[in-house]
Amino acid sequence: MKTLNAKPALSGKTISVGCRGGIRSRTRPVGMAALAAFLALFAATSASNGATSLLTPDAKRDLELQPGVVLIVVSFEASLGELSCKVTALGSGLLYRPDGYLITNGHVAQWANVKDNNAEIARLKQSTPCLAKELIKAYMAKLGRNLTEAEQDAARLQVIQLRNAGRVRIGEPSLRVILDNQTNYLGEIKAYSDPINEGGKDIAIIKIDGKNLPTVALGNSDGVSVGDPITVVGYPGDAIISKDSLLVPTVTNGRISAVNKADEKGTPVLQSEAAINHGNSGGPAFDASGRVVGIATYSPKEDSGLNFFVPVDTALEFVRQAGAAPERGPFDQVWHQALEAYASQRWSRAHDLMGSVLEMMPDQPDAKKLQMQAAQNIPSNPVLRLINTYGWPAILGVAGAVLAIFMVLAGFLLLGRRKSDGTRATTVTINQPPALPAAPQPAKPVHSEPESYGLLQISNGPLAGNRFVIPKAGLMIGRDPSSCAVVLPSESVSKQHLWVVPLDNGVAVIDRNSVNGTYVNSTESPRINKVVLKDGDRIFVGSKSPTEIMYLSS
C-alpha cells in the first residue's frame, strides 16, 4: 500500500480512500489552487480599491483626544441704571468621567463661583469695561458726535466711581459646557481653588448632567521630564475667526522645558513653549501616550514663548475632593475602534462604527466627516465589500475551514464508491487545520435549581419567566448567539453586554464595555463596571426600555 503525501498547506489526519489495483491514484493540488485563487482575488482587491488612509498616526491620535476636550462659557449680566451689557469669558476643560465630571482652571470658573467673595469682586471689575463702553455709546448718541479721548476717560472713571458706590448690579452668573457637537450643559462647581495670582492652585471640578460622554485619560505628572513632548488641545480665543470656528479645537505641540518651577507661594507648575493663549486656560496637555499630564493655566508675559501648566497630580487632589474617581466610558472604546478601522482602510467597518459613535454623540463633526469618506471608499463589488468588512484573516480562516470540510467529505464519498466496486484502500495523508472550538451554546432555561451559584430570572421581554442557572464559568449575556449563553435579541443590547460570574467574594455582574450600560436596581443610578450581587438584586440591561433580570442566590 502506497502513501501519497498531499501538497503543502494541508497536514494532519490520515484517511483511506478506495484505489483500484494497478491504477495509480492522483490527487489534485486543491489547496494550492484555492490559495492561488485567493491571492488573485487579493490582487484584484488591491487594484480595485485604490483609496489610501487619510489618517497619519499623529492625526489619528489627535482626533482620538479631541472629543473629550470642551469649551467653557461663563457669562453674567451687568447693569448701571438703564445701561446693561453681557460679560462673557471663554475657557477650556477636559472630561474625565462619562457621567459629566470635568477639570478646568479656577480662574475660568471663578465668575460662576457665587459662594466666593473674590469671585464677586472679579465680576464687578470685569463689568467696568463693558458698562463704560455702553456709557460712551450713550453719550455719543446724545451729543451726536464722537467723544474725545479725554471724554472717554472721564466716562470710564464715572463708571468706576458708580461701581465703588454700589450702583452696579450683577446678575446670576451662568457656566455652560459645550461639546464639539454643539450640545451644551449647565455646569455646577464641585471643587474649587482660587487662581494662582490669588494664592490658589487654579483648579476647579465641574459637573454636568450627561451620560456616555467622551473622556480623556489622566496620567501622572511625577514622571514628566525635561524634553518630553506634549500636545495641547483647547479653544483659544485668538483662533475664533468666525461663528463656525467657535467649536473647532486647536492642537499645538511642544516640549517640557522645566519641571521644578513654582510660583512665589510654592504652587508647582510645568513649563513649556507649547503655544497657548486666552481660551486655552483649563485645557489639557497630553504626553506622547495620550494621557493628561498638565492643565494650561497662564503665560508669564505676552509673547514670551513660555507657558505654564498645573501638573495633573495637583488637579487630582481636587478630583479626590469631589469624590469622583477618573473613569473612561463606552464612547472612548467605540471611537478608538472606529478610528482604527478607518486608519487601516476597513471602510465598511469604519462606516458602521462611525454610525455607533454618532448614536452616542449625534452630529459629532469628525465622525460625520469620516463616516462620509468611508462610505465613498466602500467597494461596490459585493465580494470585495465582504473582504473589506471582515478582513483577510477572517475570510481566509472561513475559506480554509470550508475547504477542509469539503476535502474530508469528498474523501469519504470516494471511499464509499471505491469499496462498493470491490477496490482496495490506499492511505492518503491530507492536511486539515486544527479543529475549531465549538461555539458557546445558549443556556437552557430551567425550572428547578440544581446545585449552582444561583439563578437569573428574566422579568420582561421575549425571555420573560425563564430562569438560567449560573455555572462556575458564569453567564455571558448579550445579543451575539455565538458568544453569549443568554441571548437578548435587541439592538439596544451590545454583542457581549454583561457577564454574571462567581468570584471569591460572591456572584458579580460585570459590564463588558456595553454601549447602553448596565445598571443595578435602578436605571437612575450610575452605570456599573462591576458589582457583587445580593439576593433579589435587579439587573437592568441598558437604560431605555431595558431588560430586567433578577438575581436569586438560592
Protein backbone atom coordinates (compact mmCIF):
# COMPACT_ATOMS: atom_id res chain seq x y z
CA MET A 1 0.00 0.00 0.00
CA LYS A 2 1.47 3.33 -1.09
CA THR A 3 1.21 6.53 0.95
CA LEU A 4 0.70 9.67 -1.12
CA ASN A 5 1.66 12.94 0.58
CA ALA A 6 -0.59 15.83 -0.25
CA LYS A 7 0.96 19.18 -1.23
CA PRO A 8 1.72 21.97 1.25
CA ALA A 9 -0.76 23.77 3.43
CA LEU A 10 -2.53 20.58 4.37
CA SER A 11 -1.29 18.26 7.08
CA GLY A 12 -2.84 16.29 9.86
CA LYS A 13 -5.23 13.36 9.70
CA THR A 14 -4.76 10.26 7.53
CA ILE A 15 -7.80 8.73 5.84
CA SER A 16 -8.23 5.77 3.50
CA VAL A 17 -9.76 6.14 0.07
CA GLY A 18 -10.50 3.44 -2.49
CA CYS A 19 -7.99 2.78 -5.30
CA ARG A 20 -8.22 0.11 -7.98
CA GLY A 21 -5.28 -2.33 -8.01
CA GLY A 22 -2.66 -1.47 -10.58
CA ILE A 23 -4.07 2.01 -11.18
CA ARG A 24 -2.14 4.91 -9.62
CA SER A 25 -4.31 7.42 -7.79
CA ARG A 26 -3.59 11.12 -8.40
CA THR A 27 -4.53 13.90 -6.00
CA ARG A 28 -5.13 17.35 -7.43
CA PRO A 29 -3.48 20.21 -5.55
CA VAL A 30 -6.83 21.61 -4.50
CA GLY A 31 -5.33 23.53 -1.55
CA MET A 32 -2.77 25.23 -3.78
CA ALA A 33 -5.38 26.08 -6.38
CA ALA A 34 -7.63 27.61 -3.76
CA LEU A 35 -4.73 29.57 -2.33
CA ALA A 36 -3.83 30.84 -5.79
CA ALA A 37 -7.43 31.89 -6.33
CA PHE A 38 -7.48 33.81 -3.07
CA LEU A 39 -4.19 35.52 -3.89
CA ALA A 40 -5.59 36.52 -7.26
CA LEU A 41 -8.68 37.91 -5.53
CA PHE A 42 -6.44 39.80 -3.10
CA ALA A 43 -4.61 41.36 -6.04
CA ALA A 44 -7.95 42.31 -7.55
CA THR A 45 -8.97 43.90 -4.25
CA SER A 46 -5.81 45.93 -4.09
CA ALA A 47 -6.15 47.01 -7.69
CA SER A 48 -9.82 47.92 -7.46
CA ASN A 49 -9.60 49.73 -4.15
CA GLY A 50 -7.11 52.49 -4.74
CA ALA A 51 -8.06 54.51 -1.67
CA THR A 52 -5.35 55.31 0.84
CA SER A 53 -5.66 56.09 4.51
CA LEU A 54 -6.42 59.72 5.19
CA LEU A 55 -5.10 59.45 8.74
CA THR A 56 -1.45 59.60 9.74
CA PRO A 57 -0.67 58.14 13.18
CA ASP A 58 -0.37 61.68 14.60
CA ALA A 59 -3.67 62.78 13.07
CA LYS A 60 -5.39 59.67 14.40
CA ARG A 61 -4.05 60.31 17.90
CA ASP A 62 -5.15 63.96 17.84
CA LEU A 63 -8.65 63.02 16.65
CA GLU A 64 -8.94 60.45 19.41
CA LEU A 65 -8.16 63.09 22.06
CA GLN A 66 -10.39 65.93 20.89
CA PRO A 67 -13.99 64.90 21.75
CA GLY A 68 -13.18 64.87 25.49
CA VAL A 69 -11.97 68.50 25.42
CA VAL A 70 -14.78 71.01 25.94
CA LEU A 71 -15.43 74.73 25.58
CA ILE A 72 -16.49 76.54 28.75
CA VAL A 73 -18.50 79.78 28.56
CA VAL A 74 -19.03 81.82 31.73
CA SER A 75 -21.28 84.88 31.50
CA PHE A 76 -23.35 87.30 33.56
CA GLU A 77 -25.42 90.45 33.05
CA ALA A 78 -24.21 93.78 34.47
CA SER A 79 -26.39 96.89 34.75
CA LEU A 80 -25.94 100.52 35.70
CA GLY A 81 -29.20 102.42 35.74
CA GLU A 82 -30.70 101.98 32.28
CA LEU A 83 -27.44 100.70 30.86
CA SER A 84 -26.81 96.94 30.68
CA CYS A 85 -24.40 94.56 28.99
CA LYS A 86 -23.45 90.89 28.99
CA VAL A 87 -19.95 89.94 30.12
CA THR A 88 -18.62 86.66 28.67
CA ALA A 89 -15.37 84.75 29.04
CA LEU A 90 -14.22 81.57 27.31
CA GLY A 91 -12.05 78.74 28.60
CA SER A 92 -11.37 75.07 28.03
CA GLY A 93 -11.83 71.92 30.09
CA LEU A 94 -11.40 68.15 29.95
CA LEU A 95 -13.98 65.46 30.74
CA TYR A 96 -12.52 62.70 32.90
CA ARG A 97 -15.71 60.70 33.59
CA PRO A 98 -18.50 59.69 31.15
CA ASP A 99 -21.15 60.90 33.62
CA GLY A 100 -20.02 64.51 33.24
CA TYR A 101 -17.17 65.38 35.61
CA LEU A 102 -14.53 67.70 34.14
CA ILE A 103 -11.41 69.62 35.15
CA THR A 104 -10.70 73.26 34.30
CA ASN A 105 -8.88 76.25 35.83
CA GLY A 106 -10.13 78.02 38.91
CA HIS A 107 -9.83 81.35 37.07
CA VAL A 108 -12.02 80.00 34.23
CA ALA A 109 -14.82 79.07 36.62
CA GLN A 110 -14.28 81.93 39.08
CA TRP A 111 -17.06 84.23 37.84
CA ALA A 112 -19.57 81.41 38.35
CA ASN A 113 -18.49 80.75 41.94
CA VAL A 114 -21.36 82.51 43.72
CA LYS A 115 -20.10 81.45 47.17
CA ASP A 116 -16.73 83.21 46.82
CA ASN A 117 -16.25 86.88 47.79
CA ASN A 118 -13.25 87.13 45.48
CA ALA A 119 -15.49 85.99 42.63
CA GLU A 120 -17.95 88.81 43.37
CA ILE A 121 -15.12 91.35 43.25
CA ALA A 122 -13.88 89.83 39.98
CA ARG A 123 -17.33 90.11 38.40
CA LEU A 124 -17.58 93.79 39.40
CA LYS A 125 -14.13 94.55 37.96
CA GLN A 126 -14.90 92.76 34.70
CA SER A 127 -18.19 94.65 34.32
CA THR A 128 -16.41 98.02 34.24
CA PRO A 129 -15.07 97.98 30.63
CA CYS A 130 -18.39 96.65 29.32
CA LEU A 131 -20.51 99.29 31.09
CA ALA A 132 -18.04 102.06 30.20
CA LYS A 133 -18.41 101.13 26.53
CA GLU A 134 -22.21 101.35 26.84
CA LEU A 135 -21.97 104.74 28.60
CA ILE A 136 -19.68 106.12 25.88
CA LYS A 137 -22.16 104.96 23.23
CA ALA A 138 -25.00 106.68 25.14
CA TYR A 139 -23.09 109.98 25.33
CA MET A 140 -22.26 109.79 21.61
CA ALA A 141 -25.92 109.24 20.76
CA LYS A 142 -26.95 112.16 22.97
CA LEU A 143 -24.27 114.57 21.64
CA GLY A 144 -24.41 113.38 18.05
CA ARG A 145 -20.64 113.12 17.75
CA ASN A 146 -17.65 111.01 18.75
CA LEU A 147 -16.12 111.60 22.17
CA THR A 148 -12.56 112.77 22.58
CA GLU A 149 -10.05 110.53 24.37
CA ALA A 150 -10.35 112.75 27.46
CA GLU A 151 -14.15 112.46 27.40
CA GLN A 152 -13.94 108.68 27.05
CA ASP A 153 -11.53 108.51 30.02
CA ALA A 154 -13.98 110.62 32.03
CA ALA A 155 -16.81 108.19 31.18
CA ARG A 156 -14.71 105.23 32.33
CA LEU A 157 -13.87 106.99 35.59
CA GLN A 158 -17.57 107.72 36.10
CA VAL A 159 -18.40 104.00 35.81
CA ILE A 160 -15.68 103.10 38.33
CA GLN A 161 -17.00 105.71 40.79
CA LEU A 162 -20.57 104.44 40.43
CA ARG A 163 -19.36 100.86 40.80
CA ASN A 164 -17.49 101.74 44.02
CA ALA A 165 -20.65 103.46 45.23
CA GLY A 166 -22.56 100.20 44.83
CA ARG A 167 -24.63 101.32 41.84
CA VAL A 168 -23.58 98.45 39.55
CA ARG A 169 -25.81 95.38 39.67
CA ILE A 170 -24.56 91.90 38.74
CA GLY A 171 -26.97 89.19 37.59
CA GLU A 172 -26.78 85.47 38.34
CA PRO A 173 -23.71 84.04 36.57
CA SER A 174 -24.01 81.12 34.16
CA LEU A 175 -21.41 78.41 33.47
CA ARG A 176 -22.05 76.41 30.33
CA VAL A 177 -20.05 73.50 28.96
CA ILE A 178 -20.22 72.94 25.19
CA LEU A 179 -19.09 69.78 23.38
CA ASP A 180 -17.83 69.87 19.82
CA ASN A 181 -21.19 68.55 18.53
CA GLN A 182 -22.74 71.79 19.90
CA THR A 183 -24.50 70.05 22.78
CA ASN A 184 -24.33 72.33 25.80
CA TYR A 185 -24.88 71.72 29.50
CA LEU A 186 -25.25 73.86 32.59
CA GLY A 187 -22.27 73.24 34.90
CA GLU A 188 -22.06 73.09 38.69
CA ILE A 189 -18.83 73.67 40.64
CA LYS A 190 -17.99 70.65 42.82
CA ALA A 191 -14.48 71.64 43.98
CA TYR A 192 -12.62 74.90 43.60
CA SER A 193 -9.26 76.60 44.17
CA ASP A 194 -8.50 80.29 43.61
CA PRO A 195 -6.35 81.42 40.67
CA ILE A 196 -2.59 81.20 41.20
CA ASN A 197 -2.21 85.00 41.45
CA GLU A 198 -4.66 84.92 44.37
CA GLY A 199 -2.79 82.22 46.26
CA GLY A 200 -4.66 79.16 44.97
CA LYS A 201 -3.79 76.18 42.79
CA ASP A 202 -6.10 77.30 39.95
CA ILE A 203 -8.19 74.13 39.62
CA ALA A 204 -11.96 73.65 39.50
CA ILE A 205 -14.02 70.47 39.16
CA ILE A 206 -17.28 70.95 37.25
CA LYS A 207 -20.24 68.53 36.98
CA ILE A 208 -22.65 68.48 34.05
CA ASP A 209 -25.69 66.25 33.64
CA GLY A 210 -24.58 63.87 30.88
CA LYS A 211 -24.23 60.16 30.13
CA ASN A 212 -21.84 58.19 27.91
CA LEU A 213 -19.80 61.34 27.29
CA PRO A 214 -16.34 61.25 25.70
CA THR A 215 -13.43 61.41 28.15
CA VAL A 216 -9.66 61.74 28.24
CA ALA A 217 -7.20 59.62 30.22
CA LEU A 218 -5.42 61.18 33.20
CA GLY A 219 -1.74 60.43 33.56
CA ASN A 220 0.96 61.04 36.18
CA SER A 221 2.93 64.31 36.18
CA ASP A 222 5.56 62.90 38.57
CA GLY A 223 7.05 61.02 35.64
CA VAL A 224 7.38 64.08 33.37
CA SER A 225 10.93 65.04 32.37
CA VAL A 226 12.50 67.97 30.55
CA GLY A 227 12.35 67.33 26.80
CA ASP A 228 9.19 65.21 26.90
CA PRO A 229 6.83 66.06 24.01
CA ILE A 230 3.35 67.35 24.84
CA THR A 231 0.21 68.05 22.80
CA VAL A 232 -2.13 70.83 23.94
CA VAL A 233 -5.81 70.85 22.92
CA GLY A 234 -8.16 73.72 23.65
CA TYR A 235 -10.26 76.62 22.41
CA PRO A 236 -8.03 79.73 22.31
CA GLY A 237 -9.91 82.96 21.68
CA ASP A 238 -7.47 84.14 19.00
CA ALA A 239 -8.40 81.10 16.90
CA ILE A 240 -12.09 82.07 16.76
CA ILE A 241 -12.29 83.80 13.38
CA SER A 242 -15.98 83.14 12.76
CA LYS A 243 -19.05 81.70 14.47
CA ASP A 244 -18.47 78.39 12.66
CA SER A 245 -14.92 78.16 14.06
CA LEU A 246 -16.02 78.52 17.69
CA LEU A 247 -16.16 74.76 18.31
CA VAL A 248 -13.14 73.75 16.24
CA PRO A 249 -10.43 72.82 18.78
CA THR A 250 -6.86 73.97 18.30
CA VAL A 251 -3.99 71.49 18.65
CA THR A 252 -0.45 72.71 19.37
CA ASN A 253 2.73 70.82 20.19
CA GLY A 254 5.85 71.48 22.22
CA ARG A 255 8.18 70.05 24.82
CA ILE A 256 8.51 70.30 28.57
CA SER A 257 11.25 72.87 29.28
CA ALA A 258 11.17 72.87 33.11
CA VAL A 259 9.53 70.67 35.76
CA ASN A 260 10.72 72.10 39.08
CA LYS A 261 9.19 75.57 38.78
CA ALA A 262 6.93 77.06 41.45
CA ASP A 263 5.41 80.49 41.93
CA GLU A 264 6.10 82.78 44.89
CA LYS A 265 3.58 80.88 47.03
CA GLY A 266 5.12 77.49 46.21
CA THR A 267 2.46 76.31 43.74
CA PRO A 268 4.18 73.85 41.35
CA VAL A 269 3.91 74.34 37.58
CA LEU A 270 5.25 72.69 34.43
CA GLN A 271 6.89 74.95 31.83
CA SER A 272 6.72 74.53 28.05
CA GLU A 273 6.99 76.51 24.84
CA ALA A 274 3.82 74.85 23.50
CA ALA A 275 1.59 77.69 22.34
CA ILE A 276 -1.42 78.68 24.45
CA ASN A 277 -3.38 81.91 24.84
CA HIS A 278 -6.64 83.17 26.34
CA GLY A 279 -9.25 80.46 25.94
CA ASN A 280 -6.71 77.63 26.25
CA SER A 281 -6.89 78.01 30.03
CA GLY A 282 -8.19 74.84 31.64
CA GLY A 283 -7.43 72.66 28.62
CA PRO A 284 -5.26 69.52 28.75
CA ALA A 285 -1.63 68.92 27.84
CA PHE A 286 -1.16 65.28 26.77
CA ASP A 287 2.01 63.21 26.85
CA ALA A 288 3.14 61.01 23.96
CA SER A 289 0.83 58.17 25.07
CA GLY A 290 -2.27 60.39 25.08
CA ARG A 291 -2.55 60.87 28.85
CA VAL A 292 -3.09 64.24 30.51
CA VAL A 293 -0.01 65.48 32.40
CA GLY A 294 -0.88 69.17 32.79
CA ILE A 295 -3.64 71.79 32.69
CA ALA A 296 -2.93 75.00 30.73
CA THR A 297 -3.02 77.94 33.14
CA TYR A 298 -1.16 81.12 32.07
CA SER A 299 1.72 82.85 30.31
CA PRO A 300 4.07 84.94 32.49
CA LYS A 301 4.40 87.63 29.81
CA GLU A 302 2.81 88.30 26.44
CA ASP A 303 4.83 86.84 23.53
CA SER A 304 7.43 85.37 25.91
CA GLY A 305 7.21 81.98 24.24
CA LEU A 306 6.95 80.34 27.67
CA ASN A 307 3.73 78.96 29.14
CA PHE A 308 2.83 77.22 32.38
CA PHE A 309 0.68 74.21 33.20
CA VAL A 310 -0.75 72.99 36.51
CA PRO A 311 0.54 69.40 36.99
CA VAL A 312 -2.22 66.80 36.71
CA ASP A 313 -1.21 65.41 40.13
CA THR A 314 -2.30 68.77 41.60
CA ALA A 315 -5.62 68.52 39.75
CA LEU A 316 -6.11 65.00 41.14
CA GLU A 317 -6.18 66.46 44.66
CA PHE A 318 -9.42 68.22 43.72
CA VAL A 319 -10.73 65.19 41.82
CA ARG A 320 -10.49 63.25 45.08
CA GLN A 321 -12.11 66.16 46.95
CA ALA A 322 -15.07 66.00 44.53
CA GLY A 323 -15.41 62.27 45.26
CA ALA A 324 -15.47 61.21 41.60
CA ALA A 325 -12.55 58.97 40.57
CA PRO A 326 -11.38 59.08 36.92
CA GLU A 327 -13.17 56.64 34.60
CA ARG A 328 -13.30 56.00 30.86
CA GLY A 329 -16.60 55.28 29.09
CA PRO A 330 -18.08 53.29 26.19
CA PHE A 331 -17.78 56.23 23.77
CA ASP A 332 -13.99 56.17 24.07
CA GLN A 333 -13.81 52.48 23.16
CA VAL A 334 -16.07 52.77 20.12
CA TRP A 335 -14.34 55.97 18.94
CA HIS A 336 -10.95 54.23 19.21
CA GLN A 337 -12.21 51.21 17.25
CA ALA A 338 -13.75 53.46 14.57
CA LEU A 339 -10.50 55.38 14.06
CA GLU A 340 -8.51 52.11 13.98
CA ALA A 341 -10.81 50.74 11.29
CA TYR A 342 -10.59 53.95 9.27
CA ALA A 343 -6.80 54.18 9.52
CA SER A 344 -6.47 50.54 8.36
CA GLN A 345 -8.83 51.22 5.42
CA ARG A 346 -11.53 48.85 6.66
CA TRP A 347 -14.09 51.16 5.10
CA SER A 348 -17.26 49.14 5.76
CA ARG A 349 -16.36 48.54 9.39
CA ALA A 350 -15.27 52.17 9.83
CA HIS A 351 -18.59 53.36 8.37
CA ASP A 352 -20.60 51.18 10.76
CA LEU A 353 -18.51 52.09 13.81
CA MET A 354 -18.74 55.80 13.00
CA GLY A 355 -22.51 55.25 12.97
CA SER A 356 -22.25 53.82 16.50
CA VAL A 357 -20.23 56.87 17.54
CA LEU A 358 -22.94 59.15 16.16
CA GLU A 359 -25.63 57.24 18.05
CA MET A 360 -23.88 58.13 21.30
CA MET A 361 -22.82 61.64 20.26
CA PRO A 362 -25.10 62.93 17.47
CA ASP A 363 -23.56 65.37 14.99
CA GLN A 364 -20.01 64.81 16.23
CA PRO A 365 -18.24 66.62 13.36
CA ASP A 366 -15.21 64.35 12.88
CA ALA A 367 -17.33 61.18 12.99
CA LYS A 368 -19.75 62.62 10.41
CA LYS A 369 -16.89 63.57 8.10
CA LEU A 370 -15.05 60.25 8.42
CA GLN A 371 -18.24 58.22 8.00
CA MET A 372 -18.98 60.02 4.74
CA GLN A 373 -15.43 59.49 3.48
CA ALA A 374 -15.54 55.81 4.49
CA ALA A 375 -18.82 55.38 2.59
CA GLN A 376 -17.20 56.78 -0.55
CA ASN A 377 -14.40 54.21 -0.27
CA ILE A 378 -16.55 51.10 0.30
CA PRO A 379 -16.07 48.76 -2.71
CA SER A 380 -19.13 48.36 -4.92
CA ASN A 381 -18.35 44.71 -5.68
CA PRO A 382 -20.15 42.57 -3.04
CA VAL A 383 -17.24 40.11 -2.71
CA LEU A 384 -14.74 42.90 -2.23
CA ARG A 385 -17.11 44.58 0.21
CA LEU A 386 -17.26 41.36 2.24
CA ILE A 387 -13.47 41.17 2.33
CA ASN A 388 -13.18 44.83 3.28
CA THR A 389 -15.72 44.41 6.07
CA TYR A 390 -14.31 41.32 7.77
CA GLY A 391 -10.66 41.42 6.67
CA TRP A 392 -8.47 38.81 5.03
CA PRO A 393 -7.65 36.75 8.15
CA ALA A 394 -11.32 36.07 8.86
CA ILE A 395 -12.17 35.38 5.20
CA LEU A 396 -9.20 33.02 4.74
CA GLY A 397 -10.00 31.27 8.02
CA VAL A 398 -13.57 30.57 6.96
CA ALA A 399 -12.47 29.55 3.46
CA GLY A 400 -9.84 27.20 4.89
CA ALA A 401 -12.38 25.55 7.18
CA VAL A 402 -14.87 25.11 4.33
CA LEU A 403 -12.14 23.70 2.08
CA ALA A 404 -11.03 21.20 4.74
CA ILE A 405 -14.60 20.03 5.33
CA PHE A 406 -15.14 19.67 1.57
CA MET A 407 -12.00 17.57 1.14
CA VAL A 408 -12.87 15.28 4.07
CA LEU A 409 -16.40 14.76 2.72
CA ALA A 410 -15.02 14.14 -0.78
CA GLY A 411 -12.64 11.56 0.64
CA PHE A 412 -15.40 9.68 2.39
CA LEU A 413 -17.61 9.74 -0.71
CA LEU A 414 -14.75 8.43 -2.82
CA LEU A 415 -14.01 5.73 -0.23
CA GLY A 416 -17.61 4.55 -0.30
CA ARG A 417 -17.70 4.42 -4.09
CA ARG A 418 -14.39 2.58 -4.39
CA LYS A 419 -15.32 -0.01 -1.76
CA SER A 420 -18.64 -0.63 -3.41
CA ASP A 421 -16.62 -1.54 -6.53
CA GLY A 422 -14.51 -4.04 -4.55
CA THR A 423 -11.39 -1.92 -4.65
CA ARG A 424 -8.65 -1.88 -2.12
CA ALA A 425 -7.98 1.11 0.08
CA THR A 426 -4.98 3.38 -0.30
CA THR A 427 -3.91 5.67 2.53
CA VAL A 428 -3.69 9.33 1.62
CA THR A 429 -2.42 11.95 4.02
CA ILE A 430 -4.13 15.29 3.68
CA ASN A 431 -3.84 18.49 5.53
CA GLN A 432 -6.53 19.71 7.91
CA PRO A 433 -6.45 22.76 10.13
CA PRO A 434 -6.90 22.11 13.83
CA ALA A 435 -10.49 21.62 14.85
CA LEU A 436 -12.23 24.91 15.70
CA PRO A 437 -13.62 25.20 19.24
CA ALA A 438 -17.35 24.77 19.36
CA ALA A 439 -19.35 27.99 19.70
CA PRO A 440 -20.97 28.53 23.08
CA GLN A 441 -24.45 27.07 23.15
CA PRO A 442 -27.35 29.11 24.55
CA ALA A 443 -28.12 28.16 28.10
CA LYS A 444 -31.31 26.22 28.51
CA PRO A 445 -34.00 27.65 30.77
CA VAL A 446 -34.54 25.60 33.89
CA HIS A 447 -37.49 25.35 36.21
CA SER A 448 -35.80 23.63 39.11
CA GLU A 449 -32.45 24.53 40.51
CA PRO A 450 -29.61 22.02 40.81
CA GLU A 451 -26.59 22.82 42.93
CA SER A 452 -25.31 26.08 41.44
CA TYR A 453 -24.20 29.62 42.16
CA GLY A 454 -27.73 30.93 41.98
CA LEU A 455 -30.24 31.76 39.27
CA LEU A 456 -31.06 34.61 36.92
CA GLN A 457 -34.77 35.16 36.26
CA ILE A 458 -35.81 37.25 33.24
CA SER A 459 -38.63 39.63 34.24
CA ASN A 460 -39.65 41.07 30.86
CA GLY A 461 -39.13 40.77 27.12
CA PRO A 462 -39.17 37.65 24.92
CA LEU A 463 -37.49 35.51 27.61
CA ALA A 464 -39.75 36.69 30.46
CA GLY A 465 -40.27 33.98 33.10
CA ASN A 466 -37.22 31.93 32.10
CA ARG A 467 -34.60 31.05 34.69
CA PHE A 468 -30.93 30.36 33.98
CA VAL A 469 -28.53 28.53 36.30
CA ILE A 470 -25.29 30.40 36.96
CA PRO A 471 -22.43 27.91 36.44
CA LYS A 472 -18.92 28.27 37.77
CA ALA A 473 -17.82 29.76 34.44
CA GLY A 474 -20.55 32.41 34.65
CA LEU A 475 -23.17 33.51 32.13
CA MET A 476 -22.36 35.89 29.27
CA ILE A 477 -25.43 37.96 28.30
CA GLY A 478 -25.80 39.87 25.04
CA ARG A 479 -27.24 39.70 21.55
CA ASP A 480 -24.47 37.58 19.94
CA PRO A 481 -25.60 33.91 19.92
CA SER A 482 -22.08 32.72 19.10
CA SER A 483 -20.58 34.03 22.34
CA CYS A 484 -23.46 34.51 24.79
CA ALA A 485 -25.27 31.92 26.88
CA VAL A 486 -28.29 34.20 27.38
CA VAL A 487 -29.23 35.88 24.10
CA LEU A 488 -31.29 39.10 24.15
CA PRO A 489 -32.19 39.95 20.54
CA SER A 490 -32.33 43.75 20.79
CA GLU A 491 -30.28 46.46 19.06
CA SER A 492 -30.02 48.29 22.39
CA VAL A 493 -28.10 45.29 23.77
CA SER A 494 -24.40 45.02 22.94
CA LYS A 495 -22.98 41.83 21.41
CA GLN A 496 -21.41 40.95 24.77
CA HIS A 497 -23.25 43.25 27.15
CA LEU A 498 -22.57 41.84 30.62
CA TRP A 499 -21.16 38.84 32.44
CA VAL A 500 -22.58 37.33 35.64
CA VAL A 501 -19.83 35.25 37.22
CA PRO A 502 -18.99 33.74 40.65
CA LEU A 503 -15.97 35.40 42.32
CA ASP A 504 -14.25 34.84 45.66
CA ASN A 505 -16.43 37.45 47.36
CA GLY A 506 -19.72 36.42 45.74
CA VAL A 507 -21.52 36.46 42.40
CA ALA A 508 -20.75 39.66 40.47
CA VAL A 509 -22.22 41.38 37.44
CA ILE A 510 -19.55 42.88 35.19
CA ASP A 511 -20.34 45.31 32.36
CA ARG A 512 -18.47 44.38 29.16
CA ASN A 513 -17.98 47.98 27.97
CA SER A 514 -21.52 47.99 26.64
CA VAL A 515 -22.85 50.96 24.68
CA ASN A 516 -26.04 51.50 26.68
CA GLY A 517 -24.77 50.49 30.10
CA THR A 518 -25.64 48.03 32.85
CA TYR A 519 -27.47 49.19 35.97
CA VAL A 520 -28.29 47.55 39.30
CA ASN A 521 -31.68 48.13 41.00
CA SER A 522 -32.35 51.45 39.18
CA THR A 523 -31.58 52.96 35.79
CA GLU A 524 -31.32 56.31 37.57
CA SER A 525 -28.22 55.14 39.42
CA PRO A 526 -24.77 55.40 37.76
CA ARG A 527 -23.94 52.67 35.25
CA ILE A 528 -21.79 49.98 36.82
CA ASN A 529 -18.45 48.41 35.96
CA LYS A 530 -18.57 45.57 38.50
CA VAL A 531 -20.97 44.98 41.38
CA VAL A 532 -21.26 41.99 43.75
CA LEU A 533 -24.92 40.99 43.77
CA LYS A 534 -27.22 40.41 46.73
CA ASP A 535 -30.23 38.14 46.69
CA GLY A 536 -33.11 39.90 44.92
CA ASP A 537 -30.95 42.50 43.16
CA ARG A 538 -32.30 43.56 39.78
CA ILE A 539 -30.01 43.95 36.77
CA PHE A 540 -31.10 46.35 34.02
CA VAL A 541 -29.59 45.73 30.58
CA GLY A 542 -29.44 49.26 29.10
CA SER A 543 -31.27 52.36 30.30
CA LYS A 544 -34.09 52.80 27.74
CA SER A 545 -36.74 50.04 27.74
CA PRO A 546 -34.23 47.76 29.49
CA THR A 547 -34.47 44.03 30.00
CA GLU A 548 -34.80 43.41 33.75
CA ILE A 549 -33.11 40.37 35.28
CA MET A 550 -33.47 39.32 38.94
CA TYR A 551 -30.65 37.56 40.76
CA LEU A 552 -31.73 34.76 43.12
CA SER A 553 -28.98 33.39 45.33
CA SER A 554 -30.88 30.16 46.10
